[in-house]
């Protein structure tokens, strides 16, 4: 199966898949599988992330996959398909979490990695369970306005503020190899970051990121992640709402789109084994700019996977 040919079909034509990849609901033997997670049962403020995967795909036809001054295109280096969406109930967060974990585990059994398009951030726990089941405890690069290491509240065990707390408690991740970048804004209590810091997570607030700069922060990520298998999770609210208004819990004072994309270029120097781009809520977007940015982030992550694993193959 091949991508839709841009020379035959205009970018706004045909059924939308991510970056016009072929659709294969039962993929096998591929490098990366793109999969949607249309769910927002874990949101605590503005809903709508259930429509994120569809909106991202709609806008992703804009992206060719061949970067300026990068040589071969991403899909000349790795084999990818769009597997469609995970069917997730909107009525029960435990059932949704179990189904997501099961489907992601199935995809990893026959393929190298996945890029999950969210959907709210609660489902990153399902992704971490699946990826850790294959690779063991993970290093994590987490870009977000929020640490997402809160306890349960409103009676919801799996809300979008909890995934990394569960992941640390379940030993899915190595908190000493975890970096959270872009943390800022307001928290329910003064001690809201104590859990993460107390377990050894390196938190880079937006103020610290501004002081360090992109290059120094990228070096920090490389030092902390080392050669461990790396999971990358991007909540689009890491960016200032000027760049990503279409999200459920926007926080002014965030990173620019350029800064986030520059940070992600360090991923290819590491050992990435899984990705997600979460919390796109198109109901609050303007002109599709958040979905376009989410597409660009996803495309960057796919390219960095190709770069990392091309190095890996050459070293063998």
Protein backbone atom coordinates (compact mmCIF):
# COMPACT_ATOMS: atom_id res chain seq x y z
CA UNK A 1 0.00 0.00 0.00
CA UNK A 2 1.19 3.48 -0.85
CA UNK A 3 0.35 7.01 0.27
CA UNK A 4 -2.12 8.92 -1.85
CA UNK A 5 -0.16 10.44 -4.74
CA UNK A 6 -0.11 14.24 -4.51
CA UNK A 7 0.44 14.40 -8.27
CA UNK A 8 -2.83 12.61 -8.87
CA UNK A 9 -5.13 13.66 -6.03
CA UNK A 10 -5.22 17.19 -4.53
CA UNK A 11 -4.39 17.42 -0.84
CA UNK A 12 -8.00 18.24 0.08
CA UNK A 13 -9.43 15.20 -1.75
CA UNK A 14 -10.10 11.59 -0.71
CA UNK A 15 -10.92 10.13 2.69
CA UNK A 16 -8.55 11.73 5.22
CA UNK A 17 -5.89 9.61 6.86
CA UNK A 18 -2.92 11.01 8.75
CA UNK A 19 -0.61 12.63 6.20
CA UNK A 20 -2.46 10.67 3.48
CA UNK A 21 -0.98 7.39 4.66
CA UNK A 22 -2.64 4.17 3.54
CA UNK A 23 -5.38 2.93 5.87
CA UNK A 24 -4.74 -0.52 7.29
CA UNK A 25 -6.87 -1.61 10.27
CA UNK A 26 -4.77 -4.75 10.76
CA UNK A 27 -1.15 -3.64 10.25
CA UNK A 28 1.83 -5.93 10.58
CA UNK A 29 5.57 -5.60 10.05
CA UNK A 30 5.60 -1.80 9.99
CA UNK A 31 7.85 0.71 11.71
CA UNK A 32 5.18 3.06 13.07
CA UNK A 33 1.41 2.81 13.13
CA UNK A 34 -0.67 5.97 13.53
CA UNK A 35 -3.80 5.38 15.60
CA UNK A 36 -6.54 7.69 16.83
CA UNK A 37 -7.92 7.71 20.37
CA UNK A 38 -11.19 9.68 20.18
CA UNK A 39 -12.06 9.99 23.85
CA UNK A 40 -12.52 12.82 26.37
CA UNK A 41 -14.09 11.05 29.33
CA UNK A 42 -11.17 12.16 31.48
CA UNK A 43 -11.40 15.89 30.87
CA UNK A 44 -11.88 18.18 33.86
CA UNK A 45 -12.84 21.44 32.13
CA UNK A 46 -13.62 21.95 28.43
CA UNK A 47 -14.61 18.77 26.57
CA UNK A 48 -14.18 18.10 22.86
CA UNK A 49 -10.91 16.16 22.56
CA UNK A 50 -12.92 13.19 21.30
CA UNK A 51 -13.03 15.07 17.99
CA UNK A 52 -9.27 15.64 17.96
CA UNK A 53 -8.13 12.68 15.83
CA UNK A 54 -10.61 13.45 13.07
CA UNK A 55 -9.67 17.12 13.01
CA UNK A 56 -5.95 16.36 12.96
CA UNK A 57 -6.40 13.99 10.06
CA UNK A 58 -8.48 16.55 8.17
CA UNK A 59 -5.69 19.11 8.42
CA UNK A 60 -2.83 16.67 7.93
CA UNK A 61 -3.28 16.53 4.17
CA UNK A 62 -1.35 19.80 4.13
CA UNK A 63 1.90 18.08 5.16
CA UNK A 64 4.06 16.39 2.52
CA UNK A 65 6.53 14.53 4.73
CA UNK A 66 9.70 15.79 3.04
CA UNK A 67 11.37 18.41 5.24
CA UNK A 68 13.48 21.29 3.97
CA UNK A 69 17.20 20.36 3.83
CA UNK A 70 16.58 16.95 5.39
CA UNK A 71 17.27 14.65 2.48
CA UNK A 72 14.93 11.68 1.94
CA UNK A 73 11.36 12.03 3.09
CA UNK A 74 10.12 10.36 6.25
CA UNK A 75 8.19 7.70 4.38
CA UNK A 76 11.22 6.87 2.24
CA UNK A 77 12.96 5.88 5.48
CA UNK A 78 10.24 4.11 7.48
CA UNK A 79 7.06 2.22 6.71
CA UNK A 80 3.89 3.68 8.23
CA UNK A 81 0.14 3.32 7.96
CA UNK A 82 -2.91 4.83 9.60
CA UNK A 83 -4.75 2.07 11.49
CA UNK A 84 -7.85 4.18 12.12
CA UNK A 85 -9.29 4.76 15.58
CA UNK A 86 -9.59 2.72 18.75
CA UNK A 87 -13.30 2.30 19.49
CA UNK A 88 -13.69 3.70 22.99
CA UNK A 89 -16.85 3.98 25.04
CA UNK A 90 -17.64 7.53 26.15
CA UNK A 91 -19.47 6.23 29.24
CA UNK A 92 -16.92 4.37 31.36
CA UNK A 93 -13.29 5.39 31.86
CA UNK A 94 -12.20 1.96 33.13
CA UNK A 95 -13.59 0.18 30.08
CA UNK A 96 -12.07 2.82 27.78
CA UNK A 97 -8.67 2.45 29.44
CA UNK A 98 -8.75 -1.35 29.16
CA UNK A 99 -9.79 -1.27 25.50
CA UNK A 100 -7.12 1.28 24.63
CA UNK A 101 -4.39 -0.74 26.35
CA UNK A 102 -5.51 -3.94 24.64
CA UNK A 103 -5.56 -2.37 21.18
CA UNK A 104 -2.21 -0.63 21.59
CA UNK A 105 -0.65 -3.85 22.87
CA UNK A 106 -1.96 -5.65 19.79
CA UNK A 107 -0.42 -3.05 17.51
CA UNK A 108 2.96 -3.33 19.24
CA UNK A 109 2.96 -7.11 18.96
CA UNK A 110 3.38 -6.90 15.17
CA UNK A 111 4.84 -3.42 14.62
CA UNK A 112 7.70 -1.29 15.91
CA UNK A 113 5.91 1.66 17.51
CA UNK A 114 2.77 3.78 17.41
CA UNK A 115 1.89 7.45 17.23
CA UNK A 116 -1.38 7.97 19.11
CA UNK A 117 -3.54 10.99 18.27
CA UNK A 118 -5.77 12.09 21.16
CA UNK A 119 -8.09 12.34 22.76
CA UNK A 120 -7.52 13.49 26.32
CA UNK A 121 -4.31 12.81 28.20
CA UNK A 122 -5.75 10.10 30.46
CA UNK A 123 -5.18 7.57 27.66
CA UNK A 124 -1.43 8.10 27.81
CA UNK A 125 -1.57 5.67 30.73
CA UNK A 126 -2.92 2.96 28.40
CA UNK A 127 -0.11 3.78 25.97
CA UNK A 128 2.56 3.59 28.67
CA UNK A 129 1.20 0.27 29.90
CA UNK A 130 1.40 -1.13 26.38
CA UNK A 131 4.85 0.24 25.55
CA UNK A 132 6.34 -0.67 28.93
CA UNK A 133 4.98 -4.19 28.45
CA UNK A 134 7.20 -4.46 25.38
CA UNK A 135 10.28 -2.49 26.44
CA UNK A 136 10.29 -2.38 30.24
CA UNK A 137 10.50 0.83 32.32
CA UNK A 138 10.58 3.87 30.06
CA UNK A 139 12.30 7.21 29.91
CA UNK A 140 9.74 9.91 29.23
CA UNK A 141 9.80 13.29 27.54
CA UNK A 142 6.56 15.00 28.53
CA UNK A 143 5.68 18.41 27.09
CA UNK A 144 2.72 19.94 28.89
CA UNK A 145 1.49 22.92 30.89
CA UNK A 146 0.54 20.46 33.65
CA UNK A 147 2.49 17.71 35.42
CA UNK A 148 -0.45 15.26 35.28
CA UNK A 149 0.71 13.58 38.49
CA UNK A 150 -2.40 14.44 40.51
CA UNK A 151 -4.45 11.95 42.52
CA UNK A 152 -7.98 10.97 41.57
CA UNK A 153 -10.73 13.52 42.11
CA UNK A 154 -14.47 13.81 41.46
CA UNK A 155 -14.43 10.05 41.89
CA UNK A 156 -12.52 9.64 38.62
CA UNK A 157 -9.50 7.36 38.86
CA UNK A 158 -8.37 7.91 35.27
CA UNK A 159 -8.77 11.60 34.52
CA UNK A 160 -6.38 13.58 32.34
CA UNK A 161 -4.46 14.89 35.34
CA UNK A 162 -3.44 11.42 36.58
CA UNK A 163 -1.62 9.39 33.89
CA UNK A 164 1.95 9.95 35.00
CA UNK A 165 1.18 9.40 38.67
CA UNK A 166 -0.28 6.00 37.79
CA UNK A 167 2.68 5.31 35.50
CA UNK A 168 5.17 6.01 38.28
CA UNK A 169 3.18 4.00 40.84
CA UNK A 170 2.95 1.07 38.43
CA UNK A 171 6.68 1.31 37.61
CA UNK A 172 5.94 1.73 33.91
CA UNK A 173 8.41 4.60 33.76
CA UNK A 174 11.73 5.36 35.42
CA UNK A 175 11.01 8.72 37.07
CA UNK A 176 14.75 9.45 37.23
CA UNK A 177 14.72 9.41 33.41
CA UNK A 178 11.61 11.54 33.06
CA UNK A 179 11.57 15.20 32.01
CA UNK A 180 8.47 17.41 32.07
CA UNK A 181 8.82 20.67 30.13
CA UNK A 182 6.51 23.69 30.00
CA UNK A 183 4.90 23.33 33.43
CA UNK A 184 3.22 26.56 34.54
CA UNK A 185 0.03 28.23 35.59
CA UNK A 186 -2.23 27.42 38.52
CA UNK A 187 -2.56 24.23 40.55
CA UNK A 188 -5.25 23.03 42.97
CA UNK A 189 -2.81 23.06 45.92
CA UNK A 190 0.66 24.46 46.70
CA UNK A 191 2.10 20.94 46.84
CA UNK A 192 0.81 19.85 43.43
CA UNK A 193 4.33 19.21 42.07
CA UNK A 194 5.68 17.52 45.19
CA UNK A 195 4.74 14.02 44.06
CA UNK A 196 6.67 14.29 40.78
CA UNK A 197 9.69 16.02 42.26
CA UNK A 198 9.69 13.67 45.22
CA UNK A 199 10.04 10.72 42.85
CA UNK A 200 12.94 12.25 40.93
CA UNK A 201 11.13 13.68 37.91
CA UNK A 202 12.99 16.62 36.39
CA UNK A 203 10.49 19.45 35.95
CA UNK A 204 11.45 22.32 33.68
CA UNK A 205 8.93 25.10 34.23
CA UNK A 206 8.28 27.56 31.45
CA UNK A 207 10.28 30.19 33.32
CA UNK A 208 13.24 27.84 33.61
CA UNK A 209 12.92 26.86 29.96
CA UNK A 210 13.04 30.54 29.00
CA UNK A 211 16.19 31.00 31.07
CA UNK A 212 17.88 27.86 29.74
CA UNK A 213 16.91 28.18 26.10
CA UNK A 214 16.00 25.45 23.63
CA UNK A 215 19.49 24.04 23.03
CA UNK A 216 20.38 23.69 26.71
CA UNK A 217 17.00 22.12 27.46
CA UNK A 218 17.48 19.63 24.63
CA UNK A 219 20.90 18.71 26.07
CA UNK A 220 19.24 18.18 29.44
CA UNK A 221 16.72 15.81 27.85
CA UNK A 222 19.49 13.82 26.17
CA UNK A 223 21.44 13.56 29.44
CA UNK A 224 18.45 12.39 31.48
CA UNK A 225 16.92 9.99 28.94
CA UNK A 226 20.25 8.45 27.99
CA UNK A 227 19.98 5.18 26.11
CA UNK A 228 16.73 4.04 27.74
CA UNK A 229 13.66 3.37 25.58
CA UNK A 230 11.92 6.74 25.31
CA UNK A 231 8.23 7.58 25.22
CA UNK A 232 7.33 11.10 24.04
CA UNK A 233 4.02 12.63 25.09
CA UNK A 234 2.96 16.06 23.82
CA UNK A 235 -0.07 17.82 25.26
CA UNK A 236 -0.80 20.72 22.92
CA UNK A 237 -1.44 23.00 25.88
CA UNK A 238 2.34 23.11 26.38
CA UNK A 239 2.13 25.85 23.77
CA UNK A 240 0.77 29.26 24.49
CA UNK A 241 -2.92 29.52 23.52
CA UNK A 242 -1.86 32.00 20.83
CA UNK A 243 -0.43 28.99 18.98
CA UNK A 244 -2.83 26.28 20.20
CA UNK A 245 -6.20 27.67 21.32
CA UNK A 246 -8.02 24.42 20.54
CA UNK A 247 -7.47 22.60 23.80
CA UNK A 248 -9.38 21.86 26.99
CA UNK A 249 -7.22 23.55 29.64
CA UNK A 250 -5.31 26.41 27.98
CA UNK A 251 -2.61 28.13 30.03
CA UNK A 252 -1.20 31.51 28.97
CA UNK A 253 2.55 32.02 28.93
CA UNK A 254 3.51 28.81 27.16
CA UNK A 255 6.10 27.80 24.62
CA UNK A 256 5.93 28.83 20.99
CA UNK A 257 5.32 26.31 18.24
CA UNK A 258 8.87 26.92 16.99
CA UNK A 259 10.32 26.12 20.42
CA UNK A 260 8.38 22.88 20.73
CA UNK A 261 9.37 21.68 17.26
CA UNK A 262 13.00 22.57 17.96
CA UNK A 263 12.94 20.59 21.21
CA UNK A 264 11.53 17.55 19.45
CA UNK A 265 14.47 17.48 17.06
CA UNK A 266 16.53 16.04 19.91
CA UNK A 267 14.36 12.91 19.93
CA UNK A 268 16.24 11.46 16.97
CA UNK A 269 19.42 11.41 19.07
CA UNK A 270 17.73 9.11 21.56
CA UNK A 271 15.87 5.78 21.47
CA UNK A 272 12.20 6.58 20.84
CA UNK A 273 9.74 3.69 21.06
CA UNK A 274 6.35 5.43 21.19
CA UNK A 275 4.59 8.76 20.87
CA UNK A 276 1.37 10.61 21.44
CA UNK A 277 -0.07 14.05 20.64
CA UNK A 278 -2.98 14.77 22.94
CA UNK A 279 -5.70 17.20 24.00
CA UNK A 280 -6.65 18.77 20.66
CA UNK A 281 -10.20 20.07 21.09
CA UNK A 282 -11.27 21.49 17.73
CA UNK A 283 -14.43 23.03 19.19
CA UNK A 284 -12.21 25.80 20.58
CA UNK A 285 -9.88 26.08 17.60
CA UNK A 286 -9.61 28.89 15.07
CA UNK A 287 -9.04 28.08 11.42
CA UNK A 288 -7.68 24.65 12.34
CA UNK A 289 -4.40 26.11 13.64
CA UNK A 290 -4.17 23.74 16.62
CA UNK A 291 -4.86 20.69 14.47
CA UNK A 292 -2.32 21.86 11.90
CA UNK A 293 0.24 22.27 14.67
CA UNK A 294 -0.59 18.83 16.07
CA UNK A 295 0.00 17.43 12.59
CA UNK A 296 3.36 19.17 12.37
CA UNK A 297 4.32 17.74 15.77
CA UNK A 298 3.26 14.25 14.69
CA UNK A 299 5.19 14.59 11.44
CA UNK A 300 8.28 15.71 13.38
CA UNK A 301 8.03 12.74 15.72
CA UNK A 302 7.77 10.32 12.79
CA UNK A 303 10.82 11.88 11.18
CA UNK A 304 12.78 11.70 14.44
CA UNK A 305 11.84 8.04 14.79
CA UNK A 306 13.16 7.47 11.28
CA UNK A 307 16.37 9.33 12.11
CA UNK A 308 16.93 7.43 15.36
CA UNK A 309 16.30 4.02 13.90
CA UNK A 310 18.28 4.69 10.74
CA UNK A 311 21.22 5.36 13.05
CA UNK A 312 20.39 2.17 14.91
CA UNK A 313 20.36 0.11 11.72
CA UNK A 314 23.63 1.64 10.52
CA UNK A 315 25.27 0.79 13.85
CA UNK A 316 24.37 -2.89 13.56
